Amino acid sequence: MLRHARLLIEASAPTRSVTGADGSRAAEQQHRQQVSASKPQLGWLAVLKSSAEAILSELPTPAPPPDHRVEGRSTASGGRTTASSFDPIDCCLRREREMCAALISLARTELASSSLWPTRADRIAASLPELVQAAMGGASRASSWATGLKARWQQLERLQREPHGAVWLGGLREPQAFLSATKQKAARAGGCRLEEMELRLEIATEVAEGSETETREGSADDVVVAILGLAVQGVGV
């Protein structure tokens, strides 16, 4: 951000005509500034080029999403009911799958076209900022980004097979949206307004992923969600 801010300030500064020796020194200084500004970019590009094959081998191949088009049925009052598969949590996880699949596809496209990288550096930086940031830390961090993305996708696939399975919030692109969807589902189950809902955290003993702990509907106005890998700081127990 500092580099971009500095470039904007320089670009907005008034220009003046310089000739002779002063002009040569100004041109040389401008060239040095351009080279200095491009070094970080060349650095992460070199890392991505050298580790592209390893990153691509880590990235999963998302399967086509299932067809969620479900027709509602007419009611006596002339309205239409909504299929239960469109509950808030399901819709939230479906959006997570779509975003994750799009990110994987984008990464595959960009990394597979290595010969064009120098001319698409700005585009890669804009479309894959997290990968670029990781690559600035070296090849191992870039590979870790791909490993993390793979873990996120594996969770979404598991939740597609097991809709009531435990959730790793850190593996969601928008964890706050998932929490909001949980409140929405509880509001529907209890027939109350969203403003009347509250989230409660219950600390349980450590459980392994795939255990019997799951997301489920509790009492008439409760929806219980099992969370994995949650670290809590500053809480007295």
Protein backbone atom coordinates (compact mmCIF):
# COMPACT_ATOMS: atom_id res chain seq x y z
CA MET A 1 0.00 0.00 0.00
CA LEU A 2 2.86 2.39 0.76
CA ARG A 3 4.41 1.75 -2.63
CA HIS A 4 1.16 2.46 -4.44
CA ALA A 5 0.57 5.60 -2.38
CA ARG A 6 4.05 6.87 -3.20
CA LEU A 7 3.53 6.26 -6.88
CA LEU A 8 0.25 8.16 -6.82
CA ILE A 9 1.91 11.13 -5.15
CA GLU A 10 4.70 11.13 -7.70
CA ALA A 11 2.25 10.86 -10.58
CA SER A 12 0.23 13.79 -9.28
CA ALA A 13 3.29 16.04 -8.83
CA PRO A 14 3.66 18.80 -11.42
CA THR A 15 6.06 18.06 -14.27
CA ARG A 16 8.69 20.37 -15.62
CA SER A 17 10.96 20.40 -18.58
CA VAL A 18 14.58 19.45 -17.84
CA THR A 19 17.37 19.58 -20.41
CA GLY A 20 21.07 18.78 -20.62
CA ALA A 21 22.86 17.17 -17.68
CA ASP A 22 19.91 17.79 -15.40
CA GLY A 23 17.70 15.92 -17.83
CA SER A 24 20.05 12.93 -17.91
CA ARG A 25 20.19 12.77 -14.13
CA ALA A 26 16.40 13.03 -13.91
CA ALA A 27 15.95 10.24 -16.46
CA GLU A 28 18.45 8.04 -14.61
CA GLN A 29 16.74 8.68 -11.30
CA GLN A 30 13.34 7.87 -12.79
CA HIS A 31 14.74 4.62 -14.21
CA ARG A 32 16.14 3.62 -10.80
CA GLN A 33 12.78 4.34 -9.19
CA GLN A 34 10.98 2.19 -11.74
CA VAL A 35 13.40 -0.69 -11.25
CA SER A 36 13.13 -0.40 -7.46
CA ALA A 37 9.33 -0.36 -7.61
CA SER A 38 9.24 -3.45 -9.84
CA LYS A 39 11.54 -5.60 -7.68
CA PRO A 40 8.87 -6.81 -5.23
CA GLN A 41 6.60 -7.68 -8.15
CA LEU A 42 9.37 -9.57 -9.95
CA GLY A 43 10.08 -11.38 -6.67
CA TRP A 44 6.62 -12.87 -6.20
CA LEU A 45 6.34 -13.62 -9.90
CA ALA A 46 9.56 -15.62 -9.73
CA VAL A 47 8.26 -17.53 -6.70
CA LEU A 48 4.98 -18.37 -8.42
CA LYS A 49 6.76 -19.50 -11.57
CA SER A 50 9.11 -21.77 -9.65
CA SER A 51 6.33 -23.28 -7.52
CA ALA A 52 3.46 -23.27 -10.01
CA GLU A 53 3.63 -27.01 -10.60
CA ALA A 54 3.59 -27.80 -6.87
CA ILE A 55 0.68 -25.42 -6.28
CA LEU A 56 -1.34 -26.86 -9.16
CA SER A 57 -0.79 -30.38 -7.84
CA GLU A 58 -2.33 -29.33 -4.50
CA LEU A 59 -5.40 -27.66 -5.97
CA PRO A 60 -8.46 -29.92 -6.15
CA THR A 61 -10.74 -30.27 -9.14
CA PRO A 62 -14.21 -29.17 -8.06
CA ALA A 63 -17.06 -31.30 -9.33
CA PRO A 64 -20.03 -29.55 -10.98
CA PRO A 65 -22.49 -28.34 -8.33
CA PRO A 66 -25.73 -30.31 -7.96
CA ASP A 67 -28.91 -28.90 -9.41
CA HIS A 68 -30.75 -27.10 -6.60
CA ARG A 69 -33.75 -26.02 -8.65
CA VAL A 70 -36.75 -27.29 -6.72
CA GLU A 71 -40.26 -26.34 -7.66
CA GLY A 72 -42.52 -25.05 -4.89
CA ARG A 73 -46.07 -26.30 -4.56
CA SER A 74 -49.23 -24.19 -4.49
CA THR A 75 -51.09 -23.68 -1.25
CA ALA A 76 -54.81 -23.20 -0.65
CA SER A 77 -54.29 -19.44 -0.37
CA GLY A 78 -52.62 -19.32 -3.76
CA GLY A 79 -49.10 -18.82 -2.42
CA ARG A 80 -46.13 -21.09 -2.90
CA THR A 81 -44.12 -22.94 -0.30
CA THR A 82 -40.33 -22.99 -0.32
CA ALA A 83 -38.45 -26.26 -0.42
CA SER A 84 -36.67 -27.15 2.82
CA SER A 85 -33.37 -27.50 0.93
CA PHE A 86 -33.27 -23.70 0.68
CA ASP A 87 -32.79 -23.14 4.39
CA PRO A 88 -30.36 -20.32 5.32
CA ILE A 89 -27.45 -22.58 6.32
CA ASP A 90 -27.71 -24.60 3.11
CA CYS A 91 -27.81 -21.42 1.02
CA CYS A 92 -24.78 -20.02 2.86
CA LEU A 93 -22.72 -23.17 2.30
CA ARG A 94 -23.78 -23.25 -1.34
CA ARG A 95 -22.41 -19.73 -1.81
CA GLU A 96 -19.20 -20.80 -0.07
CA ARG A 97 -18.82 -23.70 -2.53
CA GLU A 98 -19.41 -21.40 -5.47
CA MET A 99 -16.82 -18.87 -4.27
CA CYS A 100 -14.25 -21.55 -3.46
CA ALA A 101 -14.74 -23.30 -6.81
CA ALA A 102 -14.37 -19.98 -8.65
CA LEU A 103 -11.15 -19.21 -6.75
CA ILE A 104 -9.69 -22.63 -7.56
CA SER A 105 -10.62 -22.25 -11.24
CA LEU A 106 -9.06 -18.79 -11.37
CA ALA A 107 -5.84 -19.99 -9.74
CA ARG A 108 -5.60 -22.90 -12.18
CA THR A 109 -6.11 -20.58 -15.17
CA GLU A 110 -3.53 -18.03 -14.06
CA LEU A 111 -0.85 -20.51 -13.00
CA ALA A 112 -1.20 -22.61 -16.15
CA SER A 113 -0.39 -19.62 -18.41
CA SER A 114 3.10 -18.95 -17.07
CA SER A 115 4.48 -17.56 -20.34
CA LEU A 116 2.13 -14.57 -20.11
CA TRP A 117 2.75 -13.74 -16.45
CA PRO A 118 4.98 -10.67 -16.92
CA THR A 119 2.28 -8.90 -18.92
CA ARG A 120 -0.50 -10.00 -16.52
CA ALA A 121 1.22 -9.18 -13.24
CA ASP A 122 -1.30 -6.49 -12.30
CA ARG A 123 -4.20 -8.77 -13.16
CA ILE A 124 -2.83 -11.62 -11.03
CA ALA A 125 -2.20 -9.26 -8.11
CA ALA A 126 -5.78 -7.98 -8.34
CA SER A 127 -7.51 -11.34 -8.78
CA LEU A 128 -5.38 -13.48 -6.42
CA PRO A 129 -4.18 -11.07 -3.71
CA GLU A 130 -3.91 -13.75 -1.02
CA LEU A 131 -1.71 -15.96 -3.21
CA VAL A 132 0.50 -13.00 -4.16
CA GLN A 133 0.86 -12.04 -0.49
CA ALA A 134 1.83 -15.62 0.35
CA ALA A 135 4.33 -15.74 -2.53
CA MET A 136 6.06 -12.66 -1.14
CA GLY A 137 7.00 -14.86 1.83
CA GLY A 138 8.56 -17.55 -0.33
CA ALA A 139 7.66 -20.78 -2.11
CA SER A 140 6.72 -22.64 1.08
CA ARG A 141 4.10 -20.04 2.00
CA ALA A 142 2.71 -20.10 -1.54
CA SER A 143 2.35 -23.88 -1.30
CA SER A 144 0.72 -23.49 2.11
CA TRP A 145 -1.89 -21.21 0.52
CA ALA A 146 -2.78 -24.00 -1.92
CA THR A 147 -2.88 -26.57 0.90
CA GLY A 148 -5.22 -24.34 2.88
CA LEU A 149 -7.49 -23.83 -0.11
CA LYS A 150 -7.61 -27.59 -0.61
CA ALA A 151 -8.61 -28.09 3.05
CA ARG A 152 -11.36 -25.49 2.68
CA TRP A 153 -12.75 -27.27 -0.37
CA GLN A 154 -12.60 -30.68 1.33
CA GLN A 155 -14.70 -29.33 4.20
CA LEU A 156 -17.29 -27.93 1.80
CA GLU A 157 -17.49 -31.28 0.03
CA ARG A 158 -17.94 -33.04 3.37
CA LEU A 159 -20.70 -30.63 4.40
CA GLN A 160 -22.40 -31.26 1.08
CA ARG A 161 -22.48 -34.98 1.90
CA GLU A 162 -23.16 -34.43 5.60
CA PRO A 163 -25.25 -31.24 5.94
CA HIS A 164 -25.30 -31.52 9.75
CA GLY A 165 -21.58 -32.11 10.21
CA ALA A 166 -19.32 -30.02 12.42
CA VAL A 167 -18.04 -26.80 10.86
CA TRP A 168 -14.53 -25.34 10.78
CA LEU A 169 -15.27 -21.60 10.73
CA GLY A 170 -11.72 -20.72 9.66
CA GLY A 171 -12.30 -22.68 6.47
CA LEU A 172 -15.19 -20.48 5.38
CA ARG A 173 -14.73 -17.43 3.21
CA GLU A 174 -17.43 -15.54 5.11
CA PRO A 175 -17.78 -17.10 8.59
CA GLN A 176 -19.95 -14.21 9.81
CA ALA A 177 -22.48 -15.01 7.09
CA PHE A 178 -22.66 -18.58 8.38
CA LEU A 179 -23.35 -17.37 11.91
CA SER A 180 -26.07 -15.06 10.58
CA ALA A 181 -27.60 -17.98 8.66
CA THR A 182 -27.65 -19.99 11.88
CA LYS A 183 -29.67 -17.25 13.60
CA GLN A 184 -32.02 -17.04 10.61
CA LYS A 185 -32.68 -20.77 10.73
CA ALA A 186 -33.37 -20.63 14.47
CA ALA A 187 -35.71 -17.67 13.95
CA ARG A 188 -37.68 -19.66 11.39
CA ALA A 189 -37.83 -22.70 13.66
CA GLY A 190 -39.02 -20.63 16.61
CA GLY A 191 -41.31 -18.35 14.63
CA CYS A 192 -39.73 -15.18 16.02
CA ARG A 193 -37.96 -12.11 14.67
CA LEU A 194 -34.26 -12.14 13.90
CA GLU A 195 -33.68 -9.24 16.31
CA GLU A 196 -34.89 -11.45 19.14
CA MET A 197 -32.28 -14.14 18.47
CA GLU A 198 -28.93 -14.46 20.21
CA LEU A 199 -25.90 -16.67 19.79
CA ARG A 200 -24.69 -18.70 22.74
CA LEU A 201 -21.31 -20.41 22.94
CA GLU A 202 -21.01 -23.64 24.87
CA ILE A 203 -17.49 -25.00 25.38
CA ALA A 204 -17.48 -28.77 25.02
CA THR A 205 -14.71 -31.31 25.41
CA GLU A 206 -12.44 -31.74 22.39
CA VAL A 207 -14.01 -33.82 19.63
CA ALA A 208 -12.54 -35.20 16.45
CA GLU A 209 -13.90 -34.28 13.06
CA GLY A 210 -16.48 -36.80 11.91
CA SER A 211 -17.67 -37.61 15.44
CA GLU A 212 -21.30 -37.57 16.52
CA THR A 213 -21.12 -33.83 17.23
CA GLU A 214 -23.21 -32.18 14.53
CA THR A 215 -25.40 -29.28 13.55
CA ARG A 216 -28.96 -30.01 14.59
CA GLU A 217 -32.18 -28.45 15.72
CA GLY A 218 -32.48 -28.51 19.50
CA SER A 219 -35.61 -27.25 21.23
CA ALA A 220 -38.37 -25.47 19.33
CA ASP A 221 -36.34 -22.28 19.03
CA ASP A 222 -32.74 -23.60 19.03
CA VAL A 223 -30.36 -24.57 16.25
CA VAL A 224 -27.18 -26.17 17.59
CA VAL A 225 -24.03 -25.88 15.48
CA ALA A 226 -20.86 -27.81 16.30
CA ILE A 227 -17.72 -25.74 15.64
CA LEU A 228 -14.27 -27.26 15.13
CA GLY A 229 -10.89 -25.60 15.64
CA LEU A 230 -12.19 -22.54 17.48
CA ALA A 231 -9.61 -20.68 19.55
CA VAL A 232 -10.97 -18.38 22.27
CA GLN A 233 -8.77 -15.74 23.89
CA GLY A 234 -9.36 -13.63 26.98
CA VAL A 235 -12.19 -15.76 28.36
CA GLY A 236 -12.27 -16.89 31.97
CA VAL A 237 -13.55 -20.38 32.60
